[in-house]
C-alpha atoms as a PDB file:
ATOM      1  CA  MET A   1     -42.322 -43.641   3.694  1.00  0.00           C
ATOM      2  CA  ALA A   2     -45.510 -43.918   5.903  1.00  0.00           C
ATOM      3  CA  ARG A   3     -43.260 -43.185   8.744  1.00  0.00           C
ATOM      4  CA  GLY A   4     -41.668 -39.596   6.913  1.00  0.00           C
ATOM      5  CA  TRP A   5     -45.377 -38.351   5.850  1.00  0.00           C
ATOM      6  CA  LEU A   6     -46.716 -39.018   9.449  1.00  0.00           C
ATOM      7  CA  GLU A   7     -43.599 -37.060  11.253  1.00  0.00           C
ATOM      8  CA  ARG A   8     -44.056 -34.134   9.124  1.00  0.00           C
ATOM      9  CA  ALA A   9     -48.045 -34.528   9.451  1.00  0.00           C
ATOM     10  CA  ARG A  10     -47.586 -33.734  13.100  1.00  0.00           C
ATOM     11  CA  ALA A  11     -45.030 -31.682  12.593  1.00  0.00           C
ATOM     12  CA  ALA A  12     -47.224 -29.317  10.094  1.00  0.00           C
ATOM     13  CA  LEU A  13     -50.447 -29.908  12.499  1.00  0.00           C
ATOM     14  CA  GLY A  14     -48.396 -28.319  15.951  1.00  0.00           C
ATOM     15  CA  LEU A  15     -47.860 -25.208  14.121  1.00  0.00           C
ATOM     16  CA  PHE A  16     -50.945 -25.006  12.656  1.00  0.00           C
ATOM     17  CA  LEU A  17     -51.892 -25.176  16.645  1.00  0.00           C
ATOM     18  CA  LEU A  18     -49.389 -22.805  17.576  1.00  0.00           C
ATOM     19  CA  GLN A  19     -50.670 -20.323  14.784  1.00  0.00           C
ATOM     20  CA  TRP A  20     -54.259 -20.584  16.255  1.00  0.00           C
ATOM     21  CA  LEU A  21     -53.130 -19.739  19.562  1.00  0.00           C
ATOM     22  CA  LEU A  22     -51.190 -16.685  18.411  1.00  0.00           C
ATOM     23  CA  ASN A  23     -54.235 -15.555  16.435  1.00  0.00           C
ATOM     24  CA  ALA A  24     -56.479 -15.916  19.547  1.00  0.00           C
ATOM     25  CA  LEU A  25     -53.568 -14.014  21.796  1.00  0.00           C
ATOM     26  CA  TRP A  26     -53.819 -10.950  18.620  1.00  0.00           C
ATOM     27  CA  THR A  27     -57.514  -9.769  19.690  1.00  0.00           C
ATOM     28  CA  PRO A  28     -57.144  -8.821  23.318  1.00  0.00           C
ATOM     29  CA  LEU A  29     -53.555  -7.048  22.994  1.00  0.00           C
ATOM     30  CA  PHE A  30     -54.921  -4.888  20.307  1.00  0.00           C
ATOM     31  CA  PHE A  31     -58.793  -4.448  21.127  1.00  0.00           C
ATOM     32  CA  GLY A  32     -58.626  -5.270  24.517  1.00  0.00           C
ATOM     33  CA  MET A  33     -55.631  -3.718  26.072  1.00  0.00           C
ATOM     34  CA  HIS A  34     -54.787  -1.265  23.066  1.00  0.00           C
ATOM     35  CA  ARG A  35     -51.095  -2.536  22.828  1.00  0.00           C
ATOM     36  CA  SER A  36     -51.178  -1.674  19.216  1.00  0.00           C
ATOM     37  CA  GLY A  37     -47.077  -2.232  19.591  1.00  0.00           C
ATOM     38  CA  LEU A  38     -46.954  -5.542  21.426  1.00  0.00           C
ATOM     39  CA  ALA A  39     -49.874  -6.775  18.767  1.00  0.00           C
ATOM     40  CA  PHE A  40     -47.918  -5.716  16.074  1.00  0.00           C
ATOM     41  CA  ALA A  41     -44.778  -7.926  17.539  1.00  0.00           C
ATOM     42  CA  GLU A  42     -47.564 -11.000  18.354  1.00  0.00           C
ATOM     43  CA  ILE A  43     -48.812 -10.494  14.356  1.00  0.00           C
ATOM     44  CA  THR A  44     -45.556 -10.432  13.332  1.00  0.00           C
ATOM     45  CA  MET A  45     -44.730 -14.074  15.523  1.00  0.00           C
ATOM     46  CA  LEU A  46     -48.433 -14.960  14.050  1.00  0.00           C
ATOM     47  CA  TRP A  47     -47.332 -14.530   9.975  1.00  0.00           C
ATOM     48  CA  LEU A  48     -43.805 -15.969  10.430  1.00  0.00           C
ATOM     49  CA  VAL A  49     -45.826 -19.207  12.104  1.00  0.00           C
ATOM     50  CA  LEU A  50     -48.144 -19.005   9.375  1.00  0.00           C
ATOM     51  CA  ALA A  51     -45.915 -19.052   6.445  1.00  0.00           C
ATOM     52  CA  ALA A  52     -43.546 -21.995   8.125  1.00  0.00           C
ATOM     53  CA  THR A  53     -46.989 -23.879   8.408  1.00  0.00           C
ATOM     54  CA  LEU A  54     -47.741 -23.382   5.144  1.00  0.00           C
ATOM     55  CA  GLY A  55     -44.607 -24.310   4.241  1.00  0.00           C
ATOM     56  CA  LEU A  56     -45.350 -27.836   6.155  1.00  0.00           C
ATOM     57  CA  PHE A  57     -48.315 -28.219   4.667  1.00  0.00           C
ATOM     58  CA  TRP A  58     -47.355 -27.590   1.206  1.00  0.00           C
ATOM     59  CA  ARG A  59     -44.703 -30.650   1.693  1.00  0.00           C
ATOM     60  CA  VAL A  60     -47.662 -33.044   3.235  1.00  0.00           C
ATOM     61  CA  ARG A  61     -50.823 -32.139   0.360  1.00  0.00           C
ATOM     62  CA  LYS A  62     -50.157 -29.079  -1.801  1.00  0.00           C
ATOM     63  CA  ALA A  63     -54.040 -28.076  -1.759  1.00  0.00           C
ATOM     64  CA  ALA A  64     -53.881 -28.044   1.633  1.00  0.00           C
ATOM     65  CA  GLY A  65     -50.786 -25.403   1.633  1.00  0.00           C
ATOM     66  CA  ALA A  66     -52.947 -23.641  -1.185  1.00  0.00           C
ATOM     67  CA  LEU A  67     -55.846 -23.209   1.256  1.00  0.00           C
ATOM     68  CA  LEU A  68     -53.682 -21.364   3.983  1.00  0.00           C
ATOM     69  CA  MET A  69     -52.623 -18.486   1.061  1.00  0.00           C
ATOM     70  CA  PRO A  70     -55.750 -16.475   1.560  1.00  0.00           C
ATOM     71  CA  TYR A  71     -55.534 -16.651   5.090  1.00  0.00           C
ATOM     72  CA  LEU A  72     -51.558 -15.807   4.847  1.00  0.00           C
ATOM     73  CA  ALA A  73     -52.914 -12.637   3.042  1.00  0.00           C
ATOM     74  CA  TRP A  74     -55.096 -11.387   5.224  1.00  0.00           C
ATOM     75  CA  VAL A  75     -52.813 -11.979   7.874  1.00  0.00           C
ATOM     76  CA  SER A  76     -50.142  -9.575   6.244  1.00  0.00           C
ATOM     77  CA  PHE A  77     -53.459  -7.182   5.408  1.00  0.00           C
ATOM     78  CA  ALA A  78     -54.449  -6.798   9.363  1.00  0.00           C
ATOM     79  CA  ALA A  79     -50.274  -6.762  10.128  1.00  0.00           C
ATOM     80  CA  ALA A  80     -50.050  -3.631   7.974  1.00  0.00           C
ATOM     81  CA  LEU A  81     -53.046  -1.845   9.551  1.00  0.00           C
ATOM     82  CA  ASN A  82     -51.809  -2.564  12.930  1.00  0.00           C
ATOM     83  CA  PHE A  83     -48.410  -1.434  11.956  1.00  0.00           C
ATOM     84  CA  THR A  84     -49.784   1.870  10.537  1.00  0.00           C
ATOM     85  CA  ILE A  85     -52.154   1.968  13.389  1.00  0.00           C
ATOM     86  CA  TRP A  86     -49.383   1.692  15.553  1.00  0.00           C
ATOM     87  CA  ARG A  87     -47.197   4.492  14.185  1.00  0.00           C
ATOM     88  CA  LEU A  88     -49.670   6.806  13.890  1.00  0.00           C
ATOM     89  CA  ASN A  89     -51.223   6.396  18.028  1.00  0.00           C
ATOM     90  CA  PRO A  90     -48.025   6.543  19.935  1.00  0.00           C
END
């Protein structure tokens, strides 16, 4: 029982670190290099990894998954803004 929990926790933390990396990469792509199309592709990957992270956190502890919901909402909003800026500024 404890072994299964530990494996789920490790997978969740691994995805958490990956979404941190993706989050850190978005800022220089969008603001630094002004590559809004590439930044949108990257934030889409961030959203997918974050949703998977939330799901794994939820399995380990529901409160941990719930705490990621506002962040997922924020990334969704940022992705919508990124998409709009990309499409309006070819």
